[in-house]
Amino acid sequence: MAQFPDESKDGAFERQEDAFRRIVGKDEDLPAIPGRYHLYVSLACPWAHRTLIVRSLLGLKDAIGISIADPVRDERGWAFHEGAGHGPDEAEGFRFLMEAYRASDPTFDGRVTVPVLWDRLEKRIVNNSEDDICRMFQDSFAGPEAPNLFPAQLAAEQEALSRYLYENVNNGVYEAGFATRQDVYEMAARQVFAALDELEKRLQGSKYLLGEVPVESDWRLFCTLVRFDAVYHGHFKCNLRRILDYPALSRHLNDLHGLPGIAETVNLDHIKRHYYVTHDDINPTRIVPVGPAVVFAG
């Protein structure tokens, strides 16, 4: 049986808190040295995907190495097998990401999650919060020529928007998908579409969420939108509408997908196989659907 997200007694989904929250460039023993830190990700996971996108946008491919896990997870968690789009961990030789967690905290007994930022010098996890990792990449590693995904003049508005996206869209699809009671599911699913309706209106009057230039909040939304029609619509029963049915959201998705370096971070095969095979409580047959046909215009 695979590892699944937490579930509360009332049938609602509750996400596990991140266990490691140290900050490169802030903690004195964690200077921002290129090559010292390594990023463990899955191309299937939306949270890890965002860190991979930020790493690409900020030009950090040479400074921060990556290992990509097998999208199909079992009771041992994320693994590093040879396969299409993933392979062995060449940084530390881990066979399973659990090894990194146990090396960092032998008492750790929670779910092993991605992304993970690993310190190759100290041989321990620095951080497993995608929010922290994206911010560290900007604040501690990005050069002056890199785009600013967290502009100071938009800080308060962006923080509120990112919280809204997390609660109603990013995590909202999980609250619908992993609900075990009809009323809980319906409330969560309708909340997702109420938020998508609001975001559609917002994007009808603006190229991106906060103006003419994409910021980190846009990529938060992108990582859910890019998975929506292929996975969340069917697998998580978020099926009132597709993203294809929203003109402004579709344009936003395609515009972002078309930016340099982004298409290579999107792997729909990994995404579909992870959700449909790993979540066997939702999909006991583990059959991966052949559709829908998703074509990005950007």
C-alpha atoms as a PDB file:
ATOM      1  CA  MET A   1       0.000   0.000   0.000  1.00  0.00           C
ATOM      2  CA  ALA A   2       1.380   3.369  -0.998  1.00  0.00           C
ATOM      3  CA  GLN A   3       1.787   6.302   1.375  1.00  0.00           C
ATOM      4  CA  PHE A   4      -1.115   8.731   1.252  1.00  0.00           C
ATOM      5  CA  PRO A   5      -1.807  12.200   2.601  1.00  0.00           C
ATOM      6  CA  ASP A   6      -3.249  12.636   6.053  1.00  0.00           C
ATOM      7  CA  GLU A   7      -6.983  12.409   6.592  1.00  0.00           C
ATOM      8  CA  SER A   8      -8.912  13.876   9.489  1.00  0.00           C
ATOM      9  CA  LYS A   9     -11.654  12.079  11.392  1.00  0.00           C
ATOM     10  CA  ASP A  10     -14.373  14.048   9.601  1.00  0.00           C
ATOM     11  CA  GLY A  11     -13.334  12.761   6.177  1.00  0.00           C
ATOM     12  CA  ALA A  12     -11.401  15.876   5.206  1.00  0.00           C
ATOM     13  CA  PHE A  13      -7.862  16.038   3.888  1.00  0.00           C
ATOM     14  CA  GLU A  14      -5.193  17.612   6.095  1.00  0.00           C
ATOM     15  CA  ARG A  15      -1.713  18.235   4.736  1.00  0.00           C
ATOM     16  CA  GLN A  16       1.318  17.314   6.810  1.00  0.00           C
ATOM     17  CA  GLU A  17       3.476  20.176   8.073  1.00  0.00           C
ATOM     18  CA  ASP A  18       6.969  20.501   6.598  1.00  0.00           C
ATOM     19  CA  ALA A  19       9.597  19.127   8.985  1.00  0.00           C
ATOM     20  CA  PHE A  20      12.754  20.947   7.852  1.00  0.00           C
ATOM     21  CA  ARG A  21      12.768  24.736   7.590  1.00  0.00           C
ATOM     22  CA  ARG A  22      16.368  26.009   7.709  1.00  0.00           C
ATOM     23  CA  ILE A  23      17.216  28.919   5.392  1.00  0.00           C
ATOM     24  CA  VAL A  24      20.263  29.175   3.139  1.00  0.00           C
ATOM     25  CA  GLY A  25      21.783  32.656   3.363  1.00  0.00           C
ATOM     26  CA  LYS A  26      20.123  33.368   6.706  1.00  0.00           C
ATOM     27  CA  ASP A  27      21.462  30.604   8.949  1.00  0.00           C
ATOM     28  CA  GLU A  28      25.160  31.336   9.502  1.00  0.00           C
ATOM     29  CA  ASP A  29      26.273  27.785   8.732  1.00  0.00           C
ATOM     30  CA  LEU A  30      24.391  27.738   5.414  1.00  0.00           C
ATOM     31  CA  PRO A  31      26.109  30.138   3.014  1.00  0.00           C
ATOM     32  CA  ALA A  32      24.807  30.275  -0.562  1.00  0.00           C
ATOM     33  CA  ILE A  33      27.652  28.397  -2.254  1.00  0.00           C
ATOM     34  CA  PRO A  34      26.967  27.110  -5.786  1.00  0.00           C
ATOM     35  CA  GLY A  35      27.263  23.335  -5.948  1.00  0.00           C
ATOM     36  CA  ARG A  36      26.804  22.779  -2.217  1.00  0.00           C
ATOM     37  CA  TYR A  37      23.035  22.196  -2.350  1.00  0.00           C
ATOM     38  CA  HIS A  38      21.060  19.596  -4.260  1.00  0.00           C
ATOM     39  CA  LEU A  39      17.349  19.513  -5.101  1.00  0.00           C
ATOM     40  CA  TYR A  40      15.344  16.294  -4.952  1.00  0.00           C
ATOM     41  CA  VAL A  41      12.112  16.458  -6.944  1.00  0.00           C
ATOM     42  CA  SER A  42       9.414  14.533  -8.720  1.00  0.00           C
ATOM     43  CA  LEU A  43       8.167  15.863 -12.047  1.00  0.00           C
ATOM     44  CA  ALA A  44       4.721  14.614 -11.008  1.00  0.00           C
ATOM     45  CA  CYS A  45       4.458  16.656  -7.819  1.00  0.00           C
ATOM     46  CA  PRO A  46       3.088  20.205  -8.206  1.00  0.00           C
ATOM     47  CA  TRP A  47       4.946  21.451  -5.115  1.00  0.00           C
ATOM     48  CA  ALA A  48       8.293  20.138  -6.375  1.00  0.00           C
ATOM     49  CA  HIS A  49       7.482  21.344  -9.890  1.00  0.00           C
ATOM     50  CA  ARG A  50       7.351  24.943  -8.692  1.00  0.00           C
ATOM     51  CA  THR A  51      10.893  24.749  -7.272  1.00  0.00           C
ATOM     52  CA  LEU A  52      12.115  23.283 -10.565  1.00  0.00           C
ATOM     53  CA  ILE A  53      10.495  26.136 -12.500  1.00  0.00           C
ATOM     54  CA  VAL A  54      11.994  28.805 -10.216  1.00  0.00           C
ATOM     55  CA  ARG A  55      15.418  27.152 -10.495  1.00  0.00           C
ATOM     56  CA  SER A  56      15.129  27.378 -14.286  1.00  0.00           C
ATOM     57  CA  LEU A  57      13.773  30.932 -14.429  1.00  0.00           C
ATOM     58  CA  LEU A  58      16.515  32.254 -12.148  1.00  0.00           C
ATOM     59  CA  GLY A  59      19.312  30.570 -14.094  1.00  0.00           C
ATOM     60  CA  LEU A  60      20.370  28.232 -11.284  1.00  0.00           C
ATOM     61  CA  LYS A  61      20.780  24.975 -13.184  1.00  0.00           C
ATOM     62  CA  ASP A  62      24.559  25.015 -12.702  1.00  0.00           C
ATOM     63  CA  ALA A  63      24.374  26.181  -9.078  1.00  0.00           C
ATOM     64  CA  ILE A  64      21.757  23.697  -7.830  1.00  0.00           C
ATOM     65  CA  GLY A  65      21.902  20.073  -8.969  1.00  0.00           C
ATOM     66  CA  ILE A  66      18.798  17.903  -9.197  1.00  0.00           C
ATOM     67  CA  SER A  67      17.766  14.278  -8.838  1.00  0.00           C
ATOM     68  CA  ILE A  68      14.399  13.231 -10.277  1.00  0.00           C
ATOM     69  CA  ALA A  69      12.438  10.470  -8.580  1.00  0.00           C
ATOM     70  CA  ASP A  70      10.414   7.703 -10.178  1.00  0.00           C
ATOM     71  CA  PRO A  71       6.835   9.043 -10.441  1.00  0.00           C
ATOM     72  CA  VAL A  72       5.366   5.733  -9.244  1.00  0.00           C
ATOM     73  CA  ARG A  73       5.674   5.505  -5.474  1.00  0.00           C
ATOM     74  CA  ASP A  74       5.123   2.476  -3.226  1.00  0.00           C
ATOM     75  CA  GLU A  75       5.209   1.895   0.544  1.00  0.00           C
ATOM     76  CA  ARG A  76       8.916   2.769   0.533  1.00  0.00           C
ATOM     77  CA  GLY A  77       8.187   6.232  -0.822  1.00  0.00           C
ATOM     78  CA  TRP A  78       9.978   8.185  -3.546  1.00  0.00           C
ATOM     79  CA  ALA A  79      12.653   6.071  -5.249  1.00  0.00           C
ATOM     80  CA  PHE A  80      15.488   6.692  -7.693  1.00  0.00           C
ATOM     81  CA  HIS A  81      15.235   4.102 -10.453  1.00  0.00           C
ATOM     82  CA  GLU A  82      16.445   4.190 -14.027  1.00  0.00           C
ATOM     83  CA  GLY A  83      13.573   5.109 -16.316  1.00  0.00           C
ATOM     84  CA  ALA A  84      12.154   7.558 -18.816  1.00  0.00           C
ATOM     85  CA  GLY A  85      12.661  11.044 -17.417  1.00  0.00           C
ATOM     86  CA  HIS A  86      14.120   9.894 -14.093  1.00  0.00           C
ATOM     87  CA  GLY A  87      17.172   8.014 -12.867  1.00  0.00           C
ATOM     88  CA  PRO A  88      19.587   7.140 -10.071  1.00  0.00           C
ATOM     89  CA  ASP A  89      20.609   9.766  -7.542  1.00  0.00           C
ATOM     90  CA  GLU A  90      24.103  10.784  -8.608  1.00  0.00           C
ATOM     91  CA  ALA A  91      24.578  13.231  -5.719  1.00  0.00           C
ATOM     92  CA  GLU A  92      24.473  10.872  -2.734  1.00  0.00           C
ATOM     93  CA  GLY A  93      23.572   7.510  -4.200  1.00  0.00           C
ATOM     94  CA  PHE A  94      20.247   7.324  -2.373  1.00  0.00           C
ATOM     95  CA  ARG A  95      17.962   4.544  -3.570  1.00  0.00           C
ATOM     96  CA  PHE A  96      15.031   6.068  -1.699  1.00  0.00           C
ATOM     97  CA  LEU A  97      14.439   9.628  -0.510  1.00  0.00           C
ATOM     98  CA  MET A  98      13.651   8.180   2.929  1.00  0.00           C
ATOM     99  CA  GLU A  99      17.413   7.715   3.333  1.00  0.00           C
ATOM    100  CA  ALA A 100      17.885  11.495   3.260  1.00  0.00           C
ATOM    101  CA  TYR A 101      15.180  11.975   5.877  1.00  0.00           C
ATOM    102  CA  ARG A 102      16.651   9.345   8.184  1.00  0.00           C
ATOM    103  CA  ALA A 103      20.162  10.755   7.767  1.00  0.00           C
ATOM    104  CA  SER A 104      18.830  14.163   8.790  1.00  0.00           C
ATOM    105  CA  ASP A 105      16.571  12.999  11.622  1.00  0.00           C
ATOM    106  CA  PRO A 106      16.667   9.324  12.688  1.00  0.00           C
ATOM    107  CA  THR A 107      13.422   9.842  14.619  1.00  0.00           C
ATOM    108  CA  PHE A 108      11.451  11.125  11.609  1.00  0.00           C
ATOM    109  CA  ASP A 109       8.242   9.101  11.222  1.00  0.00           C
ATOM    110  CA  GLY A 110       6.129  11.237   8.868  1.00  0.00           C
ATOM    111  CA  ARG A 111       5.524  10.967   5.149  1.00  0.00           C
ATOM    112  CA  VAL A 112       8.536  11.514   2.923  1.00  0.00           C
ATOM    113  CA  THR A 113       7.732  14.411   0.612  1.00  0.00           C
ATOM    114  CA  VAL A 114       9.319  16.321  -2.250  1.00  0.00           C
ATOM    115  CA  PRO A 115      10.856  18.777  -2.837  1.00  0.00           C
ATOM    116  CA  VAL A 116      13.917  18.433  -0.630  1.00  0.00           C
ATOM    117  CA  LEU A 117      16.879  20.810  -0.584  1.00  0.00           C
ATOM    118  CA  TRP A 118      19.890  18.810   0.563  1.00  0.00           C
ATOM    119  CA  ASP A 119      23.222  20.065   1.934  1.00  0.00           C
ATOM    120  CA  ARG A 120      25.966  17.990   0.300  1.00  0.00           C
ATOM    121  CA  LEU A 121      28.577  19.310   2.756  1.00  0.00           C
ATOM    122  CA  GLU A 122      26.730  18.633   6.017  1.00  0.00           C
ATOM    123  CA  LYS A 123      24.885  15.585   4.604  1.00  0.00           C
ATOM    124  CA  ARG A 124      21.451  16.610   5.823  1.00  0.00           C
ATOM    125  CA  ILE A 125      18.205  18.145   4.643  1.00  0.00           C
ATOM    126  CA  VAL A 126      18.117  21.921   4.751  1.00  0.00           C
ATOM    127  CA  ASN A 127      14.475  22.407   3.851  1.00  0.00           C
ATOM    128  CA  ASN A 128      11.473  20.507   2.494  1.00  0.00           C
ATOM    129  CA  SER A 129       9.100  23.463   2.092  1.00  0.00           C
ATOM    130  CA  GLU A 130       8.568  24.481  -1.523  1.00  0.00           C
ATOM    131  CA  ASP A 131       7.676  28.001  -0.399  1.00  0.00           C
ATOM    132  CA  ASP A 132      10.972  28.405   1.469  1.00  0.00           C
ATOM    133  CA  ILE A 133      13.010  26.843  -1.320  1.00  0.00           C
ATOM    134  CA  CYS A 134      11.593  29.145  -4.001  1.00  0.00           C
ATOM    135  CA  ARG A 135      12.257  32.172  -1.822  1.00  0.00           C
ATOM    136  CA  MET A 136      15.804  31.016  -1.040  1.00  0.00           C
ATOM    137  CA  PHE A 137      16.532  30.577  -4.730  1.00  0.00           C
ATOM    138  CA  GLN A 138      15.494  34.196  -5.303  1.00  0.00           C
ATOM    139  CA  ASP A 139      17.008  35.825  -2.223  1.00  0.00           C
ATOM    140  CA  SER A 140      20.210  33.835  -1.784  1.00  0.00           C
ATOM    141  CA  PHE A 141      21.187  32.499  -5.210  1.00  0.00           C
ATOM    142  CA  ALA A 142      19.728  34.616  -8.030  1.00  0.00           C
ATOM    143  CA  GLY A 143      21.969  37.117  -9.748  1.00  0.00           C
ATOM    144  CA  PRO A 144      21.031  40.756 -10.397  1.00  0.00           C
ATOM    145  CA  GLU A 145      20.032  39.952 -13.984  1.00  0.00           C
ATOM    146  CA  ALA A 146      17.509  37.294 -12.941  1.00  0.00           C
ATOM    147  CA  PRO A 147      13.779  38.093 -12.909  1.00  0.00           C
ATOM    148  CA  ASN A 148      12.349  39.145  -9.566  1.00  0.00           C
ATOM    149  CA  LEU A 149       9.538  36.743  -8.713  1.00  0.00           C
ATOM    150  CA  PHE A 150       8.866  38.484  -5.395  1.00  0.00           C
ATOM    151  CA  PRO A 151       8.812  42.239  -6.169  1.00  0.00           C
ATOM    152  CA  ALA A 152       8.865  44.294  -2.988  1.00  0.00           C
ATOM    153  CA  GLN A 153       6.183  46.722  -4.167  1.00  0.00           C
ATOM    154  CA  LEU A 154       3.737  43.823  -4.526  1.00  0.00           C
ATOM    155  CA  ALA A 155       4.719  41.943  -1.361  1.00  0.00           C
ATOM    156  CA  ALA A 156       1.494  42.319   0.628  1.00  0.00           C
ATOM    157  CA  GLU A 157      -0.803  41.716  -2.347  1.00  0.00           C
ATOM    158  CA  GLN A 158       1.270  38.772  -3.527  1.00  0.00           C
ATOM    159  CA  GLU A 159       1.320  37.164  -0.096  1.00  0.00           C
ATOM    160  CA  ALA A 160      -2.470  37.380   0.160  1.00  0.00           C
ATOM    161  CA  LEU A 161      -2.947  36.068  -3.379  1.00  0.00           C
ATOM    162  CA  SER A 162      -0.557  33.168  -2.850  1.00  0.00           C
ATOM    163  CA  ARG A 163      -2.402  32.202   0.334  1.00  0.00           C
ATOM    164  CA  TYR A 164      -5.705  32.328  -1.569  1.00  0.00           C
ATOM    165  CA  LEU A 165      -4.293  30.145  -4.343  1.00  0.00           C
ATOM    166  CA  TYR A 166      -2.958  27.589  -1.886  1.00  0.00           C
ATOM    167  CA  GLU A 167      -6.131  27.316   0.164  1.00  0.00           C
ATOM    168  CA  ASN A 168      -8.627  27.305  -2.700  1.00  0.00           C
ATOM    169  CA  VAL A 169      -6.829  25.895  -5.731  1.00  0.00           C
ATOM    170  CA  ASN A 170      -3.449  24.222  -5.090  1.00  0.00           C
ATOM    171  CA  ASN A 171      -4.537  22.395  -1.952  1.00  0.00           C
ATOM    172  CA  GLY A 172      -8.224  22.658  -2.810  1.00  0.00           C
ATOM    173  CA  VAL A 173      -8.035  19.959  -5.481  1.00  0.00           C
ATOM    174  CA  TYR A 174      -6.484  17.625  -2.911  1.00  0.00           C
ATOM    175  CA  GLU A 175      -9.221  18.411  -0.409  1.00  0.00           C
ATOM    176  CA  ALA A 176     -11.744  17.324  -3.040  1.00  0.00           C
ATOM    177  CA  GLY A 177      -9.770  14.340  -4.283  1.00  0.00           C
ATOM    178  CA  PHE A 178      -8.986  12.799  -0.908  1.00  0.00           C
ATOM    179  CA  ALA A 179     -12.324  13.534   0.784  1.00  0.00           C
ATOM    180  CA  THR A 180     -14.016  10.422   2.136  1.00  0.00           C
ATOM    181  CA  ARG A 181     -17.461  11.914   2.702  1.00  0.00           C
ATOM    182  CA  GLN A 182     -19.858  13.226   0.063  1.00  0.00           C
ATOM    183  CA  ASP A 183     -20.590  16.525   1.786  1.00  0.00           C
ATOM    184  CA  VAL A 184     -16.902  17.210   2.416  1.00  0.00           C
ATOM    185  CA  TYR A 185     -16.054  16.437  -1.213  1.00  0.00           C
ATOM    186  CA  GLU A 186     -18.826  18.631  -2.612  1.00  0.00           C
ATOM    187  CA  MET A 187     -17.844  21.587  -0.458  1.00  0.00           C
ATOM    188  CA  ALA A 188     -14.194  21.280  -1.483  1.00  0.00           C
ATOM    189  CA  ALA A 189     -14.921  20.821  -5.192  1.00  0.00           C
ATOM    190  CA  ARG A 190     -17.299  23.780  -5.339  1.00  0.00           C
ATOM    191  CA  GLN A 191     -14.733  25.908  -3.530  1.00  0.00           C
ATOM    192  CA  VAL A 192     -12.160  25.045  -6.208  1.00  0.00           C
ATOM    193  CA  PHE A 193     -14.467  26.171  -9.011  1.00  0.00           C
ATOM    194  CA  ALA A 194     -15.569  29.304  -7.190  1.00  0.00           C
ATOM    195  CA  ALA A 195     -11.883  30.243  -7.010  1.00  0.00           C
ATOM    196  CA  LEU A 196     -11.272  29.371 -10.673  1.00  0.00           C
ATOM    197  CA  ASP A 197     -14.251  31.539 -11.635  1.00  0.00           C
ATOM    198  CA  GLU A 198     -12.749  34.465  -9.706  1.00  0.00           C
ATOM    199  CA  LEU A 199      -9.319  33.932 -11.242  1.00  0.00           C
ATOM    200  CA  GLU A 200     -10.874  33.797 -14.719  1.00  0.00           C
ATOM    201  CA  LYS A 201     -12.410  37.226 -14.109  1.00  0.00           C
ATOM    202  CA  ARG A 202      -9.121  38.560 -12.796  1.00  0.00           C
ATOM    203  CA  LEU A 203      -7.176  37.368 -15.834  1.00  0.00           C
ATOM    204  CA  GLN A 204      -9.708  38.834 -18.256  1.00  0.00           C
ATOM    205  CA  GLY A 205      -8.364  42.250 -17.300  1.00  0.00           C
ATOM    206  CA  SER A 206      -4.692  41.429 -16.773  1.00  0.00           C
ATOM    207  CA  LYS A 207      -2.067  39.444 -18.654  1.00  0.00           C
ATOM    208  CA  TYR A 208      -0.800  37.864 -15.447  1.00  0.00           C
ATOM    209  CA  LEU A 209      -2.188  37.723 -11.926  1.00  0.00           C
ATOM    210  CA  LEU A 210      -0.476  40.887 -10.704  1.00  0.00           C
ATOM    211  CA  GLY A 211       0.195  42.779 -13.893  1.00  0.00           C
ATOM    212  CA  GLU A 212       2.172  42.454 -17.101  1.00  0.00           C
ATOM    213  CA  VAL A 213       5.016  40.359 -15.689  1.00  0.00           C
ATOM    214  CA  PRO A 214       4.650  36.892 -14.106  1.00  0.00           C
ATOM    215  CA  VAL A 215       5.583  36.555 -10.443  1.00  0.00           C
ATOM    216  CA  GLU A 216       5.851  33.504  -8.224  1.00  0.00           C
ATOM    217  CA  SER A 217       2.091  33.497  -7.634  1.00  0.00           C
ATOM    218  CA  ASP A 218       1.539  32.865 -11.348  1.00  0.00           C
ATOM    219  CA  TRP A 219       3.686  29.755 -11.134  1.00  0.00           C
ATOM    220  CA  ARG A 220       1.725  28.532  -8.109  1.00  0.00           C
ATOM    221  CA  LEU A 221      -1.375  28.648 -10.253  1.00  0.00           C
ATOM    222  CA  PHE A 222       0.393  27.184 -13.296  1.00  0.00           C
ATOM    223  CA  CYS A 223       1.432  24.035 -11.440  1.00  0.00           C
ATOM    224  CA  THR A 224      -2.210  23.233 -10.700  1.00  0.00           C
ATOM    225  CA  LEU A 225      -3.576  24.323 -14.076  1.00  0.00           C
ATOM    226  CA  VAL A 226      -1.118  22.172 -16.010  1.00  0.00           C
ATOM    227  CA  ARG A 227      -2.324  19.075 -14.123  1.00  0.00           C
ATOM    228  CA  PHE A 228      -5.995  19.942 -13.995  1.00  0.00           C
ATOM    229  CA  ASP A 229      -7.550  18.533 -17.142  1.00  0.00           C
ATOM    230  CA  ALA A 230      -5.250  15.489 -17.232  1.00  0.00           C
ATOM    231  CA  VAL A 231      -5.618  14.485 -13.572  1.00  0.00           C
ATOM    232  CA  TYR A 232      -7.651  16.639 -11.212  1.00  0.00           C
ATOM    233  CA  HIS A 233     -10.736  16.757 -13.450  1.00  0.00           C
ATOM    234  CA  GLY A 234     -11.129  12.968 -13.464  1.00  0.00           C
ATOM    235  CA  HIS A 235      -9.011  11.454 -10.724  1.00  0.00           C
ATOM    236  CA  PHE A 236      -9.889  14.059  -8.070  1.00  0.00           C
ATOM    237  CA  LYS A 237     -13.481  14.493  -9.345  1.00  0.00           C
ATOM    238  CA  CYS A 238     -13.029  18.234  -9.906  1.00  0.00           C
ATOM    239  CA  ASN A 239     -15.204  17.927 -12.974  1.00  0.00           C
ATOM    240  CA  LEU A 240     -17.647  20.828 -13.071  1.00  0.00           C
ATOM    241  CA  ARG A 241     -15.511  22.384 -15.797  1.00  0.00           C
ATOM    242  CA  ARG A 242     -12.132  21.933 -17.466  1.00  0.00           C
ATOM    243  CA  ILE A 243      -9.434  24.570 -17.674  1.00  0.00           C
ATOM    244  CA  LEU A 244     -10.048  24.339 -21.424  1.00  0.00           C
ATOM    245  CA  ASP A 245     -13.501  25.804 -20.712  1.00  0.00           C
ATOM    246  CA  TYR A 246     -11.971  28.966 -19.198  1.00  0.00           C
ATOM    247  CA  PRO A 247     -10.564  31.219 -21.975  1.00  0.00           C
ATOM    248  CA  ALA A 248      -8.467  33.482 -19.723  1.00  0.00           C
ATOM    249  CA  LEU A 249      -7.102  30.667 -17.560  1.00  0.00           C
ATOM    250  CA  SER A 250      -6.261  28.683 -20.702  1.00  0.00           C
ATOM    251  CA  ARG A 251      -4.421  31.679 -22.141  1.00  0.00           C
ATOM    252  CA  HIS A 252      -2.526  32.113 -18.864  1.00  0.00           C
ATOM    253  CA  LEU A 253      -1.544  28.437 -18.844  1.00  0.00           C
ATOM    254  CA  ASN A 254      -0.371  28.495 -22.440  1.00  0.00           C
ATOM    255  CA  ASP A 255       1.504  31.792 -22.103  1.00  0.00           C
ATOM    256  CA  LEU A 256       3.476  30.492 -19.144  1.00  0.00           C
ATOM    257  CA  HIS A 257       4.089  27.097 -20.733  1.00  0.00           C
ATOM    258  CA  GLY A 258       5.550  28.853 -23.759  1.00  0.00           C
ATOM    259  CA  LEU A 259       8.186  30.792 -21.803  1.00  0.00           C
ATOM    260  CA  PRO A 260      11.795  29.592 -22.217  1.00  0.00           C
ATOM    261  CA  GLY A 261      12.738  26.605 -20.077  1.00  0.00           C
ATOM    262  CA  ILE A 262       9.221  25.789 -18.875  1.00  0.00           C
ATOM    263  CA  ALA A 263       8.033  23.073 -21.276  1.00  0.00           C
ATOM    264  CA  GLU A 264      10.970  20.871 -20.276  1.00  0.00           C
ATOM    265  CA  THR A 265       9.758  20.884 -16.660  1.00  0.00           C
ATOM    266  CA  VAL A 266       6.309  19.532 -17.644  1.00  0.00           C
ATOM    267  CA  ASN A 267       6.007  15.749 -17.969  1.00  0.00           C
ATOM    268  CA  LEU A 268       2.390  14.630 -18.367  1.00  0.00           C
ATOM    269  CA  ASP A 269       3.417  10.979 -18.449  1.00  0.00           C
ATOM    270  CA  HIS A 270       4.991  11.297 -14.987  1.00  0.00           C
ATOM    271  CA  ILE A 271       2.008  13.292 -13.757  1.00  0.00           C
ATOM    272  CA  LYS A 272      -0.624  10.815 -14.927  1.00  0.00           C
ATOM    273  CA  ARG A 273       1.242   7.685 -13.866  1.00  0.00           C
ATOM    274  CA  HIS A 274       1.963   9.093 -10.411  1.00  0.00           C
ATOM    275  CA  TYR A 275      -1.614  10.003  -9.578  1.00  0.00           C
ATOM    276  CA  TYR A 276      -3.435   7.101 -11.212  1.00  0.00           C
ATOM    277  CA  VAL A 277      -0.993   4.378 -10.101  1.00  0.00           C
ATOM    278  CA  THR A 278       0.138   5.638  -6.689  1.00  0.00           C
ATOM    279  CA  HIS A 279      -3.281   6.639  -5.356  1.00  0.00           C
ATOM    280  CA  ASP A 280      -4.713   3.143  -5.426  1.00  0.00           C
ATOM    281  CA  ASP A 281      -7.295   3.939  -2.769  1.00  0.00           C
ATOM    282  CA  ILE A 282      -8.878   6.298  -5.321  1.00  0.00           C
ATOM    283  CA  ASN A 283      -8.015   4.209  -8.409  1.00  0.00           C
ATOM    284  CA  PRO A 284      -7.748   0.551  -7.272  1.00  0.00           C
ATOM    285  CA  THR A 285      -7.214  -0.811 -10.795  1.00  0.00           C
ATOM    286  CA  ARG A 286      -4.222   1.493 -11.338  1.00  0.00           C
ATOM    287  CA  ILE A 287      -5.318   1.922 -14.938  1.00  0.00           C
ATOM    288  CA  VAL A 288      -3.896   5.129 -16.419  1.00  0.00           C
ATOM    289  CA  PRO A 289      -6.382   6.747 -18.836  1.00  0.00           C
ATOM    290  CA  VAL A 290      -5.245   7.362 -22.392  1.00  0.00           C
ATOM    291  CA  GLY A 291      -6.749  10.850 -22.403  1.00  0.00           C
ATOM    292  CA  PRO A 292      -7.440  13.620 -22.424  1.00  0.00           C
ATOM    293  CA  ALA A 293      -5.372  14.894 -25.315  1.00  0.00           C
ATOM    294  CA  VAL A 294      -3.667  17.959 -23.852  1.00  0.00           C
ATOM    295  CA  VAL A 295      -2.021  20.308 -26.347  1.00  0.00           C
ATOM    296  CA  PHE A 296      -0.271  23.458 -25.175  1.00  0.00           C
ATOM    297  CA  ALA A 297      -0.460  26.361 -27.605  1.00  0.00           C
ATOM    298  CA  GLY A 298       2.454  28.228 -26.030  1.00  0.00           C
END
